[in-house]
Amino acid sequence: MHIVLHEPEIPQNTGNIARTCACTGSPLHLIQPLGFSLDEKHLKRAGLDYWSQLELYVYESYEDFLERHPGIQLWLATTKAPNVYSQVSYGPDDYIMFGKETAGIPEEILARHKKDCIRIPMGAGFRSLNLSNSVAIVLYEGLRQQNFAGLQETGQLRTCTYIDG
């Protein structure tokens, strides 16, 4: 699955998302303008040492992104959507787009993709969740629907010895 950020503004959020994408093998697509430089120290720090394992693409505009990926299934995360993110079926090659932190995805883009808009339910009166949290929530639902293909599914606890006092 692919993650697309439309004009992200906060480097720490994008760095956290880059880390999530690297850990899940999900390519990250950034649509300019960005609110930071790709050399920004807060961006790099949030992504830890996973940058070399990230498949990263940068586009000049939304139109540039669409031209380079014709015919894709694109889901658009927005608080305005009628569809709940967990009630749609994601494919392994789907793209999920998130908008900038202060304004979301522009209305003119949402209008072109009404049936593919999804939302994360929240309490009344709240505007939005943190961008990196939103990406993780929706991405992991899509990965769950794909049975976490290609990801490590088991963990192992270290053996601990307890001494009764």
C-alpha atoms as a PDB file:
ATOM      1  CA  MET A   1       0.000   0.000   0.000  1.00  0.00           C
ATOM      2  CA  HIS A   2       1.104   3.553  -0.721  1.00  0.00           C
ATOM      3  CA  ILE A   3       0.830   6.645   1.483  1.00  0.00           C
ATOM      4  CA  VAL A   4       0.421  10.059  -0.153  1.00  0.00           C
ATOM      5  CA  LEU A   5       0.821  13.340   1.733  1.00  0.00           C
ATOM      6  CA  HIS A   6      -0.611  16.388  -0.001  1.00  0.00           C
ATOM      7  CA  GLU A   7       1.428  19.463   0.958  1.00  0.00           C
ATOM      8  CA  PRO A   8       2.480  18.351   4.463  1.00  0.00           C
ATOM      9  CA  GLU A   9       3.560  21.202   6.745  1.00  0.00           C
ATOM     10  CA  ILE A  10       5.111  19.747   9.906  1.00  0.00           C
ATOM     11  CA  PRO A  11       8.439  17.931   9.529  1.00  0.00           C
ATOM     12  CA  GLN A  12       8.020  15.804  12.647  1.00  0.00           C
ATOM     13  CA  ASN A  13       4.713  14.392  11.362  1.00  0.00           C
ATOM     14  CA  THR A  14       6.215  13.552   7.992  1.00  0.00           C
ATOM     15  CA  GLY A  15       9.242  11.995   9.693  1.00  0.00           C
ATOM     16  CA  ASN A  16       6.987   9.808  11.849  1.00  0.00           C
ATOM     17  CA  ILE A  17       5.001   8.804   8.765  1.00  0.00           C
ATOM     18  CA  ALA A  18       8.217   8.002   6.894  1.00  0.00           C
ATOM     19  CA  ARG A  19       9.214   5.712   9.759  1.00  0.00           C
ATOM     20  CA  THR A  20       5.824   3.949   9.653  1.00  0.00           C
ATOM     21  CA  CYS A  21       6.111   3.566   5.881  1.00  0.00           C
ATOM     22  CA  ALA A  22       9.635   2.130   6.131  1.00  0.00           C
ATOM     23  CA  CYS A  23       8.532  -0.362   8.803  1.00  0.00           C
ATOM     24  CA  THR A  24       5.591  -1.552   6.693  1.00  0.00           C
ATOM     25  CA  GLY A  25       7.251  -1.478   3.282  1.00  0.00           C
ATOM     26  CA  SER A  26       4.825   1.210   2.123  1.00  0.00           C
ATOM     27  CA  PRO A  27       6.131   3.771  -0.389  1.00  0.00           C
ATOM     28  CA  LEU A  28       5.703   7.401   0.691  1.00  0.00           C
ATOM     29  CA  HIS A  29       4.641  10.010  -1.876  1.00  0.00           C
ATOM     30  CA  LEU A  30       4.996  13.712  -1.048  1.00  0.00           C
ATOM     31  CA  ILE A  31       3.158  16.334  -3.089  1.00  0.00           C
ATOM     32  CA  GLN A  32       4.714  19.810  -3.014  1.00  0.00           C
ATOM     33  CA  PRO A  33       4.861  22.431  -1.768  1.00  0.00           C
ATOM     34  CA  LEU A  34       6.228  21.028   1.481  1.00  0.00           C
ATOM     35  CA  GLY A  35       6.275  23.121   4.634  1.00  0.00           C
ATOM     36  CA  PHE A  36       9.890  22.120   5.280  1.00  0.00           C
ATOM     37  CA  SER A  37      13.088  21.022   3.573  1.00  0.00           C
ATOM     38  CA  LEU A  38      13.801  17.333   3.099  1.00  0.00           C
ATOM     39  CA  ASP A  39      17.080  18.061   4.905  1.00  0.00           C
ATOM     40  CA  GLU A  40      15.240  19.403   7.990  1.00  0.00           C
ATOM     41  CA  LYS A  41      16.764  17.963  11.176  1.00  0.00           C
ATOM     42  CA  HIS A  42      13.364  17.428  12.848  1.00  0.00           C
ATOM     43  CA  LEU A  43      12.201  15.438   9.811  1.00  0.00           C
ATOM     44  CA  LYS A  44      15.311  13.260   9.854  1.00  0.00           C
ATOM     45  CA  ARG A  45      15.211  12.767  13.632  1.00  0.00           C
ATOM     46  CA  ALA A  46      11.557  11.648  13.606  1.00  0.00           C
ATOM     47  CA  GLY A  47      12.324   9.111  10.881  1.00  0.00           C
ATOM     48  CA  LEU A  48      15.265   7.726  12.878  1.00  0.00           C
ATOM     49  CA  ASP A  49      17.712   5.693  10.837  1.00  0.00           C
ATOM     50  CA  TYR A  50      15.018   4.248   8.559  1.00  0.00           C
ATOM     51  CA  TRP A  51      15.442   6.753   5.698  1.00  0.00           C
ATOM     52  CA  SER A  52      17.657   4.395   3.680  1.00  0.00           C
ATOM     53  CA  GLN A  53      14.914   1.772   3.820  1.00  0.00           C
ATOM     54  CA  LEU A  54      12.140   4.127   2.689  1.00  0.00           C
ATOM     55  CA  GLU A  55      10.835   4.240  -0.880  1.00  0.00           C
ATOM     56  CA  LEU A  56      10.232   7.988  -1.260  1.00  0.00           C
ATOM     57  CA  TYR A  57       8.775   9.956  -4.184  1.00  0.00           C
ATOM     58  CA  VAL A  58       8.275  13.727  -4.476  1.00  0.00           C
ATOM     59  CA  TYR A  59       5.917  15.445  -6.954  1.00  0.00           C
ATOM     60  CA  GLU A  60       5.653  19.049  -8.083  1.00  0.00           C
ATOM     61  CA  SER A  61       1.847  19.058  -7.852  1.00  0.00           C
ATOM     62  CA  TYR A  62      -1.249  16.892  -7.508  1.00  0.00           C
ATOM     63  CA  GLU A  63      -1.547  16.859 -11.305  1.00  0.00           C
ATOM     64  CA  ASP A  64       2.060  15.629 -11.580  1.00  0.00           C
ATOM     65  CA  PHE A  65       1.215  12.830  -9.121  1.00  0.00           C
ATOM     66  CA  LEU A  66      -1.873  11.788 -11.139  1.00  0.00           C
ATOM     67  CA  GLU A  67       0.009  11.887 -14.448  1.00  0.00           C
ATOM     68  CA  ARG A  68       2.674   9.565 -13.075  1.00  0.00           C
ATOM     69  CA  HIS A  69       0.113   7.126 -11.610  1.00  0.00           C
ATOM     70  CA  PRO A  70      -2.844   6.802 -14.002  1.00  0.00           C
ATOM     71  CA  GLY A  71      -5.638   4.404 -13.105  1.00  0.00           C
ATOM     72  CA  ILE A  72      -4.713   3.898  -9.451  1.00  0.00           C
ATOM     73  CA  GLN A  73      -7.191   3.306  -6.644  1.00  0.00           C
ATOM     74  CA  LEU A  74      -6.826   6.444  -4.542  1.00  0.00           C
ATOM     75  CA  TRP A  75      -8.497   6.780  -1.147  1.00  0.00           C
ATOM     76  CA  LEU A  76      -8.719  10.288   0.323  1.00  0.00           C
ATOM     77  CA  ALA A  77      -8.806  10.685   4.108  1.00  0.00           C
ATOM     78  CA  THR A  78     -10.972  13.614   5.182  1.00  0.00           C
ATOM     79  CA  THR A  79     -13.254  14.488   8.070  1.00  0.00           C
ATOM     80  CA  LYS A  80     -15.914  15.310   5.445  1.00  0.00           C
ATOM     81  CA  ALA A  81     -16.251  11.759   4.083  1.00  0.00           C
ATOM     82  CA  PRO A  82     -19.380   9.609   4.371  1.00  0.00           C
ATOM     83  CA  ASN A  83     -17.358   6.340   4.366  1.00  0.00           C
ATOM     84  CA  VAL A  84     -15.636   5.119   7.529  1.00  0.00           C
ATOM     85  CA  TYR A  85     -12.060   3.978   6.792  1.00  0.00           C
ATOM     86  CA  SER A  86     -12.696   0.477   8.169  1.00  0.00           C
ATOM     87  CA  GLN A  87     -15.760  -0.102   5.968  1.00  0.00           C
ATOM     88  CA  VAL A  88     -13.991  -0.026   2.597  1.00  0.00           C
ATOM     89  CA  SER A  89     -11.922  -2.785   0.969  1.00  0.00           C
ATOM     90  CA  TYR A  90      -8.281  -1.926   0.354  1.00  0.00           C
ATOM     91  CA  GLY A  91      -6.113  -3.614  -2.236  1.00  0.00           C
ATOM     92  CA  PRO A  92      -2.369  -4.215  -1.836  1.00  0.00           C
ATOM     93  CA  ASP A  93      -1.513  -1.555  -4.440  1.00  0.00           C
ATOM     94  CA  ASP A  94      -3.962   1.119  -3.272  1.00  0.00           C
ATOM     95  CA  TYR A  95      -2.896   4.682  -2.487  1.00  0.00           C
ATOM     96  CA  ILE A  96      -4.190   6.526   0.589  1.00  0.00           C
ATOM     97  CA  MET A  97      -3.914  10.316   0.547  1.00  0.00           C
ATOM     98  CA  PHE A  98      -3.842  12.649   3.542  1.00  0.00           C
ATOM     99  CA  GLY A  99      -3.911  16.434   3.448  1.00  0.00           C
ATOM    100  CA  LYS A 100      -1.897  19.152   5.124  1.00  0.00           C
ATOM    101  CA  GLU A 101      -2.229  19.529   8.864  1.00  0.00           C
ATOM    102  CA  THR A 102      -3.972  22.925   8.836  1.00  0.00           C
ATOM    103  CA  ALA A 103      -6.442  22.462   5.980  1.00  0.00           C
ATOM    104  CA  GLY A 104      -6.658  18.836   4.850  1.00  0.00           C
ATOM    105  CA  ILE A 105      -7.088  17.898   1.197  1.00  0.00           C
ATOM    106  CA  PRO A 106      -8.430  20.767  -0.946  1.00  0.00           C
ATOM    107  CA  GLU A 107     -12.186  20.663  -1.656  1.00  0.00           C
ATOM    108  CA  GLU A 108     -11.660  20.630  -5.434  1.00  0.00           C
ATOM    109  CA  ILE A 109      -9.658  17.387  -5.142  1.00  0.00           C
ATOM    110  CA  LEU A 110     -12.200  15.807  -2.778  1.00  0.00           C
ATOM    111  CA  ALA A 111     -15.021  16.689  -5.187  1.00  0.00           C
ATOM    112  CA  ARG A 112     -13.275  14.749  -7.978  1.00  0.00           C
ATOM    113  CA  HIS A 113     -13.133  11.608  -5.788  1.00  0.00           C
ATOM    114  CA  LYS A 114     -16.314  11.721  -3.662  1.00  0.00           C
ATOM    115  CA  LYS A 115     -16.915   7.964  -3.620  1.00  0.00           C
ATOM    116  CA  ASP A 116     -13.334   7.289  -2.517  1.00  0.00           C
ATOM    117  CA  CYS A 117     -13.288   9.623   0.501  1.00  0.00           C
ATOM    118  CA  ILE A 118     -12.853   7.972   3.903  1.00  0.00           C
ATOM    119  CA  ARG A 119     -12.874   9.248   7.480  1.00  0.00           C
ATOM    120  CA  ILE A 120     -11.825   8.198  10.958  1.00  0.00           C
ATOM    121  CA  PRO A 121     -14.711   8.571  13.427  1.00  0.00           C
ATOM    122  CA  MET A 122     -14.167  11.135  16.200  1.00  0.00           C
ATOM    123  CA  GLY A 123     -16.162  12.783  18.929  1.00  0.00           C
ATOM    124  CA  ALA A 124     -18.433  15.695  18.050  1.00  0.00           C
ATOM    125  CA  GLY A 125     -16.785  19.091  17.996  1.00  0.00           C
ATOM    126  CA  PHE A 126     -13.252  17.889  17.203  1.00  0.00           C
ATOM    127  CA  ARG A 127     -11.540  19.004  13.977  1.00  0.00           C
ATOM    128  CA  SER A 128      -8.936  16.293  13.415  1.00  0.00           C
ATOM    129  CA  LEU A 129      -6.481  13.766  14.761  1.00  0.00           C
ATOM    130  CA  ASN A 130      -2.720  14.140  14.459  1.00  0.00           C
ATOM    131  CA  LEU A 131      -1.632  13.431  10.884  1.00  0.00           C
ATOM    132  CA  SER A 132       0.897  10.723  11.712  1.00  0.00           C
ATOM    133  CA  ASN A 133      -1.634   8.958  13.952  1.00  0.00           C
ATOM    134  CA  SER A 134      -4.251   9.119  11.193  1.00  0.00           C
ATOM    135  CA  VAL A 135      -1.870   7.585   8.667  1.00  0.00           C
ATOM    136  CA  ALA A 136      -1.020   4.747  11.052  1.00  0.00           C
ATOM    137  CA  ILE A 137      -4.687   4.017  11.811  1.00  0.00           C
ATOM    138  CA  VAL A 138      -5.773   3.799   8.172  1.00  0.00           C
ATOM    139  CA  LEU A 139      -2.617   2.121   6.858  1.00  0.00           C
ATOM    140  CA  TYR A 140      -2.769  -0.654   9.444  1.00  0.00           C
ATOM    141  CA  GLU A 141      -6.431  -1.300   8.627  1.00  0.00           C
ATOM    142  CA  GLY A 142      -5.468  -1.726   4.984  1.00  0.00           C
ATOM    143  CA  LEU A 143      -2.569  -3.985   5.942  1.00  0.00           C
ATOM    144  CA  ARG A 144      -4.843  -6.001   8.250  1.00  0.00           C
ATOM    145  CA  GLN A 145      -7.205  -6.563   5.328  1.00  0.00           C
ATOM    146  CA  GLN A 146      -4.195  -7.892   3.372  1.00  0.00           C
ATOM    147  CA  ASN A 147      -3.359 -10.252   6.291  1.00  0.00           C
ATOM    148  CA  PHE A 148      -0.204  -8.199   6.946  1.00  0.00           C
ATOM    149  CA  ALA A 149       1.397  -9.747   3.856  1.00  0.00           C
ATOM    150  CA  GLY A 150       5.175  -9.498   3.990  1.00  0.00           C
ATOM    151  CA  LEU A 151       5.277  -8.271   7.577  1.00  0.00           C
ATOM    152  CA  GLN A 152       6.562 -10.116  10.619  1.00  0.00           C
ATOM    153  CA  GLU A 153       3.518 -11.470  12.394  1.00  0.00           C
ATOM    154  CA  THR A 154       5.069 -12.970  15.502  1.00  0.00           C
ATOM    155  CA  GLY A 155       7.074 -11.511  18.283  1.00  0.00           C
ATOM    156  CA  GLN A 156       9.016 -13.115  21.063  1.00  0.00           C
ATOM    157  CA  LEU A 157       9.270 -12.030  24.653  1.00  0.00           C
ATOM    158  CA  ARG A 158      12.646 -12.295  26.281  1.00  0.00           C
ATOM    159  CA  THR A 159      12.817 -14.971  28.921  1.00  0.00           C
ATOM    160  CA  CYS A 160      12.784 -13.334  32.318  1.00  0.00           C
ATOM    161  CA  THR A 161      13.719 -14.869  35.616  1.00  0.00           C
ATOM    162  CA  TYR A 162      11.807 -13.595  38.621  1.00  0.00           C
ATOM    163  CA  ILE A 163      13.176 -14.009  42.105  1.00  0.00           C
ATOM    164  CA  ASP A 164      10.609 -14.193  44.872  1.00  0.00           C
ATOM    165  CA  GLY A 165      11.754 -12.083  47.769  1.00  0.00           C
END
